[in-house]
N, C-alpha and C. Protein backbone atom coordinates (compact mmCIF):
# COMPACT_ATOMS: atom_id res chain seq x y z
N MET A 1 126.77 126.63 185.12
CA MET A 1 125.50 126.31 184.48
C MET A 1 124.51 125.99 185.58
N ARG A 2 123.30 126.54 185.42
CA ARG A 2 122.25 126.31 186.45
C ARG A 2 121.59 124.93 186.30
N GLU A 3 121.19 124.40 187.35
CA GLU A 3 120.51 123.12 187.29
C GLU A 3 118.98 123.33 186.89
N ILE A 4 118.48 122.51 186.09
CA ILE A 4 117.02 122.63 185.69
C ILE A 4 116.23 121.88 186.82
N THR A 5 115.40 122.59 187.48
CA THR A 5 114.53 121.97 188.50
C THR A 5 113.14 121.76 188.03
N GLY A 6 112.39 121.08 188.82
CA GLY A 6 111.01 120.81 188.52
C GLY A 6 110.19 122.14 188.36
N ARG A 7 110.62 123.11 189.13
CA ARG A 7 109.92 124.40 189.06
C ARG A 7 110.17 125.06 187.71
N HIS A 8 111.36 124.94 187.17
CA HIS A 8 111.63 125.50 185.86
C HIS A 8 110.84 124.79 184.77
N VAL A 9 110.76 123.45 184.89
CA VAL A 9 109.99 122.70 183.91
C VAL A 9 108.52 123.09 183.98
N ALA A 10 107.96 123.19 185.21
CA ALA A 10 106.55 123.62 185.34
C ALA A 10 106.32 124.94 184.76
N ILE A 11 107.19 125.92 185.07
CA ILE A 11 106.98 127.27 184.51
C ILE A 11 107.00 127.23 182.93
N GLY A 12 107.93 126.49 182.39
CA GLY A 12 108.04 126.36 180.93
C GLY A 12 106.75 125.76 180.30
N MET A 13 106.27 124.65 180.94
CA MET A 13 105.09 124.03 180.44
C MET A 13 103.86 124.92 180.54
N VAL A 14 103.68 125.53 181.69
CA VAL A 14 102.51 126.46 181.91
C VAL A 14 102.60 127.68 180.86
N SER A 15 103.84 128.18 180.73
CA SER A 15 103.99 129.28 179.69
C SER A 15 103.60 128.84 178.29
N ALA A 16 104.14 127.68 177.90
CA ALA A 16 103.92 127.21 176.49
C ALA A 16 102.42 126.96 176.28
N PHE A 17 101.86 126.16 177.15
CA PHE A 17 100.41 125.91 176.98
C PHE A 17 99.57 127.17 177.20
N GLY A 18 99.96 128.04 178.01
CA GLY A 18 99.23 129.32 178.17
C GLY A 18 99.30 130.16 176.88
N LEU A 19 100.39 130.16 176.23
CA LEU A 19 100.49 130.84 174.97
C LEU A 19 99.63 130.23 173.92
N ILE A 20 99.55 128.90 173.88
CA ILE A 20 98.74 128.20 172.94
C ILE A 20 97.29 128.50 173.15
N VAL A 21 96.86 128.46 174.37
CA VAL A 21 95.48 128.77 174.77
C VAL A 21 95.10 130.19 174.38
N ALA A 22 96.00 131.16 174.72
CA ALA A 22 95.76 132.54 174.41
C ALA A 22 95.58 132.76 172.93
N VAL A 23 96.42 132.20 172.08
CA VAL A 23 96.35 132.33 170.62
C VAL A 23 95.06 131.73 170.16
N ASN A 24 94.65 130.55 170.58
CA ASN A 24 93.37 129.94 170.17
C ASN A 24 92.27 130.78 170.52
N LEU A 25 92.23 131.39 171.74
CA LEU A 25 91.11 132.24 172.13
C LEU A 25 91.05 133.41 171.22
N VAL A 26 92.16 134.07 170.94
CA VAL A 26 92.14 135.25 170.06
C VAL A 26 91.65 134.85 168.63
N LEU A 27 92.07 133.73 168.12
CA LEU A 27 91.61 133.31 166.78
C LEU A 27 90.19 132.91 166.81
N ALA A 28 89.67 132.28 167.85
CA ALA A 28 88.30 131.93 167.97
C ALA A 28 87.43 133.22 168.02
N TRP A 29 87.82 134.18 168.79
CA TRP A 29 87.06 135.41 168.90
C TRP A 29 87.06 136.11 167.53
N GLN A 30 88.17 136.18 166.81
CA GLN A 30 88.21 136.82 165.49
C GLN A 30 87.26 136.09 164.49
N ALA A 31 87.26 134.78 164.60
CA ALA A 31 86.37 133.97 163.67
C ALA A 31 84.93 134.27 163.94
N VAL A 32 84.50 134.35 165.19
CA VAL A 32 83.13 134.56 165.51
C VAL A 32 82.75 136.04 165.19
N ALA A 33 83.64 137.01 165.50
CA ALA A 33 83.38 138.41 165.29
C ALA A 33 83.24 138.82 163.79
N THR A 34 83.95 138.05 162.95
CA THR A 34 83.89 138.44 161.49
C THR A 34 83.02 137.44 160.67
N PHE A 35 82.35 136.53 161.32
CA PHE A 35 81.45 135.62 160.56
C PHE A 35 80.29 136.39 159.95
N PRO A 36 80.14 136.30 158.63
CA PRO A 36 79.08 137.11 158.02
C PRO A 36 77.67 136.60 158.24
N GLY A 37 77.43 135.38 158.65
CA GLY A 37 76.13 134.90 158.91
C GLY A 37 75.75 133.70 158.15
N LEU A 38 74.53 133.34 158.21
CA LEU A 38 74.12 132.10 157.57
C LEU A 38 73.70 132.37 156.15
N GLU A 39 73.81 131.34 155.31
CA GLU A 39 73.36 131.42 153.94
C GLU A 39 71.80 131.25 153.88
N VAL A 40 71.31 130.34 154.65
CA VAL A 40 69.90 130.08 154.82
C VAL A 40 69.47 129.98 156.24
N LYS A 41 68.26 130.33 156.61
CA LYS A 41 67.81 130.27 157.95
C LYS A 41 67.66 128.81 158.43
N ASN A 42 67.14 127.97 157.54
CA ASN A 42 66.90 126.53 157.96
C ASN A 42 67.38 125.62 156.81
N SER A 43 68.51 125.01 156.98
CA SER A 43 69.14 124.21 155.96
C SER A 43 68.23 123.08 155.58
N TYR A 44 67.54 122.47 156.47
CA TYR A 44 66.65 121.39 156.14
C TYR A 44 65.49 121.77 155.20
N VAL A 45 64.89 122.90 155.52
CA VAL A 45 63.79 123.36 154.69
C VAL A 45 64.35 123.75 153.27
N ALA A 46 65.54 124.32 153.20
CA ALA A 46 66.13 124.73 151.92
C ALA A 46 66.51 123.48 151.13
N SER A 47 66.91 122.44 151.77
CA SER A 47 67.28 121.16 151.05
C SER A 47 66.07 120.53 150.42
N GLN A 48 64.79 120.82 150.90
CA GLN A 48 63.64 120.05 150.35
C GLN A 48 63.38 120.47 148.94
N THR A 49 63.74 121.65 148.48
CA THR A 49 63.48 122.18 147.15
C THR A 49 64.74 122.33 146.34
N PHE A 50 65.94 121.96 146.88
CA PHE A 50 67.23 122.22 146.25
C PHE A 50 67.31 121.58 144.86
N ASP A 51 66.95 120.29 144.77
CA ASP A 51 67.09 119.59 143.44
C ASP A 51 66.14 120.19 142.43
N ALA A 52 64.96 120.46 142.74
CA ALA A 52 63.97 121.09 141.86
C ALA A 52 64.41 122.51 141.45
N ASP A 53 64.89 123.25 142.35
CA ASP A 53 65.37 124.58 142.07
C ASP A 53 66.66 124.51 141.12
N ARG A 54 67.50 123.63 141.33
CA ARG A 54 68.62 123.45 140.49
C ARG A 54 68.28 123.03 139.09
N ARG A 55 67.39 122.07 138.97
CA ARG A 55 66.99 121.61 137.65
C ARG A 55 66.24 122.80 136.83
N ALA A 56 65.46 123.58 137.51
CA ALA A 56 64.77 124.73 136.91
C ALA A 56 65.83 125.73 136.48
N GLN A 57 66.84 126.06 137.27
CA GLN A 57 67.89 126.98 136.92
C GLN A 57 68.65 126.49 135.78
N GLU A 58 69.07 125.17 135.84
CA GLU A 58 69.83 124.67 134.69
C GLU A 58 69.04 124.66 133.38
N ALA A 59 67.77 124.46 133.51
CA ALA A 59 66.86 124.51 132.22
C ALA A 59 66.88 125.88 131.62
N LEU A 60 67.08 126.94 132.40
CA LEU A 60 67.22 128.24 131.85
C LEU A 60 68.45 128.34 130.86
N GLY A 61 69.52 127.68 131.24
CA GLY A 61 70.75 127.79 130.42
C GLY A 61 71.45 129.11 130.51
N TRP A 62 71.22 129.83 131.59
CA TRP A 62 71.86 131.16 131.71
C TRP A 62 73.25 131.09 132.20
N THR A 63 74.09 132.06 131.82
CA THR A 63 75.41 132.27 132.37
C THR A 63 75.48 133.76 132.72
N ALA A 64 76.24 134.04 133.79
CA ALA A 64 76.44 135.47 134.20
C ALA A 64 77.86 135.82 133.97
N ASP A 65 78.09 136.96 133.41
CA ASP A 65 79.38 137.51 133.15
C ASP A 65 79.47 138.86 133.94
N THR A 66 80.34 138.93 134.98
CA THR A 66 80.39 140.04 135.86
C THR A 66 81.71 140.78 135.64
N ARG A 67 81.62 142.06 135.79
CA ARG A 67 82.81 142.92 135.66
C ARG A 67 82.73 144.09 136.70
N LEU A 68 83.85 144.39 137.30
CA LEU A 68 83.90 145.55 138.20
C LEU A 68 85.00 146.47 137.72
N GLN A 69 84.59 147.65 137.23
CA GLN A 69 85.52 148.61 136.65
C GLN A 69 85.11 150.03 137.03
N ASP A 70 86.11 150.74 137.59
CA ASP A 70 85.87 152.13 137.96
C ASP A 70 84.62 152.35 138.86
N GLY A 71 84.39 151.43 139.83
CA GLY A 71 83.41 151.53 140.80
C GLY A 71 81.97 151.16 140.21
N VAL A 72 81.92 150.57 139.07
CA VAL A 72 80.66 150.11 138.48
C VAL A 72 80.65 148.63 138.32
N LEU A 73 79.69 147.95 138.91
CA LEU A 73 79.55 146.55 138.78
C LEU A 73 78.55 146.26 137.64
N THR A 74 79.00 145.51 136.66
CA THR A 74 78.22 145.14 135.47
C THR A 74 77.91 143.72 135.48
N VAL A 75 76.69 143.31 135.25
CA VAL A 75 76.33 141.87 135.05
C VAL A 75 75.59 141.74 133.73
N ALA A 76 76.11 140.84 132.89
CA ALA A 76 75.44 140.54 131.63
C ALA A 76 75.06 139.02 131.69
N LEU A 77 73.73 138.78 131.52
CA LEU A 77 73.21 137.49 131.52
C LEU A 77 72.90 137.00 130.06
N THR A 78 73.41 135.80 129.78
CA THR A 78 73.23 135.27 128.43
C THR A 78 72.50 133.94 128.57
N GLY A 79 71.70 133.57 127.62
CA GLY A 79 71.01 132.30 127.56
C GLY A 79 71.69 131.46 126.55
N ARG A 80 70.94 130.36 126.18
CA ARG A 80 71.43 129.43 125.15
C ARG A 80 71.79 130.15 123.89
N GLY A 81 72.91 129.67 123.26
CA GLY A 81 73.27 130.22 121.94
C GLY A 81 73.89 131.62 122.03
N GLY A 82 74.18 132.08 123.34
CA GLY A 82 74.78 133.42 123.47
C GLY A 82 73.73 134.59 123.34
N ARG A 83 72.53 134.22 123.27
CA ARG A 83 71.45 135.28 123.17
C ARG A 83 71.24 135.89 124.61
N PRO A 84 70.81 137.14 124.60
CA PRO A 84 70.48 137.83 125.90
C PRO A 84 69.39 137.05 126.56
N ALA A 85 69.53 136.86 127.87
CA ALA A 85 68.52 136.17 128.70
C ALA A 85 67.36 137.06 128.94
N ALA A 86 66.20 136.40 129.02
CA ALA A 86 64.95 137.10 129.25
C ALA A 86 64.73 137.36 130.74
N VAL A 87 65.37 138.53 131.19
CA VAL A 87 65.38 138.78 132.68
C VAL A 87 64.28 139.74 132.99
N ALA A 88 63.43 139.34 133.99
CA ALA A 88 62.34 140.14 134.47
C ALA A 88 62.83 141.03 135.61
N ASP A 89 63.69 140.48 136.50
CA ASP A 89 64.14 141.19 137.66
C ASP A 89 65.54 140.72 138.06
N ILE A 90 66.31 141.61 138.65
CA ILE A 90 67.66 141.30 139.14
C ILE A 90 67.89 141.99 140.46
N ALA A 91 68.62 141.26 141.35
CA ALA A 91 68.96 141.84 142.66
C ALA A 91 70.27 141.16 143.09
N GLY A 92 70.82 141.77 144.13
CA GLY A 92 72.08 141.15 144.56
C GLY A 92 72.61 141.77 145.89
N ARG A 93 73.50 141.02 146.47
CA ARG A 93 74.22 141.53 147.72
C ARG A 93 75.70 141.41 147.40
N PHE A 94 76.38 142.54 147.58
CA PHE A 94 77.80 142.61 147.23
C PHE A 94 78.61 142.87 148.51
N GLY A 95 79.60 142.08 148.85
CA GLY A 95 80.30 142.29 150.12
C GLY A 95 81.60 141.48 150.16
N ARG A 96 82.24 141.58 151.25
CA ARG A 96 83.45 140.83 151.49
C ARG A 96 83.06 139.39 151.80
N ALA A 97 84.01 138.50 151.50
CA ALA A 97 83.75 137.07 151.71
C ALA A 97 83.83 136.77 153.23
N THR A 98 84.51 137.52 154.03
CA THR A 98 84.71 137.17 155.41
C THR A 98 83.91 138.07 156.45
N SER A 99 83.25 139.09 156.00
CA SER A 99 82.61 139.95 156.92
C SER A 99 81.39 140.62 156.28
N ALA A 100 80.36 140.85 157.08
CA ALA A 100 79.16 141.45 156.55
C ALA A 100 79.20 143.05 156.75
N ALA A 101 80.25 143.50 157.32
CA ALA A 101 80.38 144.94 157.70
C ALA A 101 80.26 145.82 156.43
N GLU A 102 80.79 145.38 155.31
CA GLU A 102 80.84 146.21 154.09
C GLU A 102 79.85 145.82 153.04
N ASP A 103 78.80 145.09 153.41
CA ASP A 103 77.82 144.54 152.50
C ASP A 103 77.07 145.69 151.87
N GLN A 104 76.80 145.55 150.59
CA GLN A 104 76.02 146.59 149.85
C GLN A 104 74.93 145.93 149.02
N THR A 105 73.84 146.57 148.78
CA THR A 105 72.83 146.13 147.93
C THR A 105 72.82 146.99 146.68
N PRO A 106 73.46 146.52 145.58
CA PRO A 106 73.57 147.29 144.37
C PRO A 106 72.16 147.63 143.78
N ALA A 107 72.09 148.85 143.38
CA ALA A 107 70.78 149.23 142.65
C ALA A 107 70.98 149.06 141.18
N PHE A 108 70.74 147.84 140.64
CA PHE A 108 71.00 147.52 139.25
C PHE A 108 70.01 148.29 138.34
N GLU A 109 70.62 148.84 137.26
CA GLU A 109 69.73 149.49 136.25
C GLU A 109 70.12 148.78 134.93
N ARG A 110 69.07 148.63 134.05
CA ARG A 110 69.26 147.93 132.80
C ARG A 110 70.00 148.90 131.86
N VAL A 111 71.14 148.36 131.27
CA VAL A 111 71.90 149.16 130.29
C VAL A 111 71.98 148.57 128.92
N GLY A 112 71.35 147.45 128.90
CA GLY A 112 71.34 146.63 127.60
C GLY A 112 70.25 145.62 127.63
N PRO A 113 70.02 144.81 126.67
CA PRO A 113 68.88 143.80 126.68
C PRO A 113 68.95 142.94 127.91
N ALA A 114 70.07 142.41 128.33
CA ALA A 114 70.15 141.64 129.56
C ALA A 114 71.44 141.99 130.31
N THR A 115 71.81 143.28 130.25
CA THR A 115 73.01 143.84 130.89
C THR A 115 72.50 144.79 131.91
N PHE A 116 73.06 144.72 133.13
CA PHE A 116 72.73 145.55 134.22
C PHE A 116 73.90 146.14 134.85
N ALA A 117 73.86 147.37 135.41
CA ALA A 117 74.98 147.97 136.05
C ALA A 117 74.51 148.70 137.29
N ALA A 118 75.49 148.75 138.26
CA ALA A 118 75.22 149.49 139.48
C ALA A 118 76.52 149.97 140.08
N PRO A 119 76.50 151.21 140.66
CA PRO A 119 77.71 151.64 141.36
C PRO A 119 77.89 150.96 142.65
N VAL A 120 79.17 150.57 143.02
CA VAL A 120 79.47 149.93 144.26
C VAL A 120 80.81 150.55 144.73
N GLU A 121 80.99 150.46 146.03
CA GLU A 121 82.30 150.86 146.62
C GLU A 121 83.07 149.55 146.92
N ALA A 122 84.20 149.35 146.29
CA ALA A 122 84.94 148.19 146.56
C ALA A 122 86.43 148.54 146.64
N GLY A 123 86.97 148.20 147.84
CA GLY A 123 88.46 148.43 148.01
C GLY A 123 89.22 147.14 147.54
N ARG A 124 90.48 147.08 147.72
CA ARG A 124 91.27 145.96 147.35
C ARG A 124 90.85 144.67 148.09
N GLY A 125 90.97 143.58 147.40
CA GLY A 125 90.66 142.32 148.06
C GLY A 125 89.66 141.46 147.26
N ILE A 126 89.10 140.50 147.96
CA ILE A 126 88.15 139.54 147.38
C ILE A 126 86.73 140.00 147.82
N TRP A 127 85.87 140.12 146.90
CA TRP A 127 84.46 140.43 147.07
C TRP A 127 83.58 139.35 146.53
N ILE A 128 82.41 139.23 147.10
CA ILE A 128 81.45 138.23 146.65
C ILE A 128 80.14 138.89 146.20
N LEU A 129 79.61 138.48 145.09
CA LEU A 129 78.30 138.98 144.59
C LEU A 129 77.38 137.79 144.66
N HIS A 130 76.35 137.90 145.55
CA HIS A 130 75.25 136.98 145.57
C HIS A 130 74.19 137.50 144.65
N LEU A 131 74.17 136.95 143.47
CA LEU A 131 73.26 137.43 142.44
C LEU A 131 71.96 136.56 142.36
N THR A 132 70.90 137.28 142.25
CA THR A 132 69.53 136.63 142.06
C THR A 132 68.79 137.33 140.94
N ALA A 133 68.56 136.59 139.91
CA ALA A 133 67.80 137.10 138.78
C ALA A 133 66.56 136.28 138.57
N THR A 134 65.51 136.86 138.05
CA THR A 134 64.24 136.12 137.84
C THR A 134 63.93 136.15 136.37
N ALA A 135 63.64 134.97 135.81
CA ALA A 135 63.18 134.90 134.44
C ALA A 135 61.84 135.42 134.30
N GLU A 136 61.37 135.68 133.07
CA GLU A 136 60.06 136.19 132.79
C GLU A 136 58.96 135.17 133.26
N ASP A 137 59.37 133.83 133.28
CA ASP A 137 58.39 132.85 133.72
C ASP A 137 58.37 132.60 135.30
N GLY A 138 59.22 133.41 135.96
CA GLY A 138 59.25 133.30 137.46
C GLY A 138 60.35 132.41 138.00
N THR A 139 61.11 131.80 137.07
CA THR A 139 62.21 130.84 137.51
C THR A 139 63.35 131.71 138.04
N ALA A 140 63.82 131.28 139.25
CA ALA A 140 64.94 132.01 139.90
C ALA A 140 66.23 131.55 139.38
N PHE A 141 67.20 132.45 139.17
CA PHE A 141 68.57 132.16 138.80
C PHE A 141 69.44 132.70 139.91
N ARG A 142 70.14 131.86 140.55
CA ARG A 142 71.07 132.28 141.70
C ARG A 142 72.49 131.90 141.41
N GLN A 143 73.42 132.81 141.70
CA GLN A 143 74.78 132.48 141.51
C GLN A 143 75.62 133.32 142.44
N ARG A 144 76.65 132.73 142.96
CA ARG A 144 77.60 133.46 143.87
C ARG A 144 78.82 133.65 142.97
N VAL A 145 79.27 134.89 142.86
CA VAL A 145 80.39 135.23 141.95
C VAL A 145 81.46 135.87 142.78
N ARG A 146 82.68 135.35 142.64
CA ARG A 146 83.88 135.87 143.36
C ARG A 146 84.54 136.87 142.45
N ILE A 147 84.76 138.07 143.02
CA ILE A 147 85.35 139.17 142.23
C ILE A 147 86.58 139.65 143.03
N GLY A 148 87.77 139.62 142.36
CA GLY A 148 88.97 140.12 142.92
C GLY A 148 89.28 141.52 142.49
N VAL A 149 89.63 142.34 143.45
CA VAL A 149 89.97 143.78 143.17
C VAL A 149 91.48 143.91 143.45
N PRO A 150 92.32 144.21 142.50
CA PRO A 150 93.79 144.30 142.74
C PRO A 150 94.13 145.60 143.47
């Protein structure tokens, strides 16, 4: 049996910590390379109107029902009492939760009183729809919807 010397211990320690540092560097690089970006340019400025915007959106009483089937993304907006919402305009950004590389801007077309549809390309995995709709009175309705594709 060989004797363990200081040199063996030093090589073992340098190897172990070197591996830890290498893995951390790879993970940090991947995190930065796949970061989709900021939600808002200036969080302080966005925070100044957050409560007022939230109250206005809640006053609308809208809910969004989203479906993705056969490459078509459908959004149905309903108001209080299950009635169709009075939508003046709708837009969105559809993409992966972890990367902006596959982001799409769906071209929504009205297919019902408050139902809109747009073709999208979505592979397997988790997708996020950043939905923005505007009421006829100009009130903004924003919602982030998580959509899983098996």
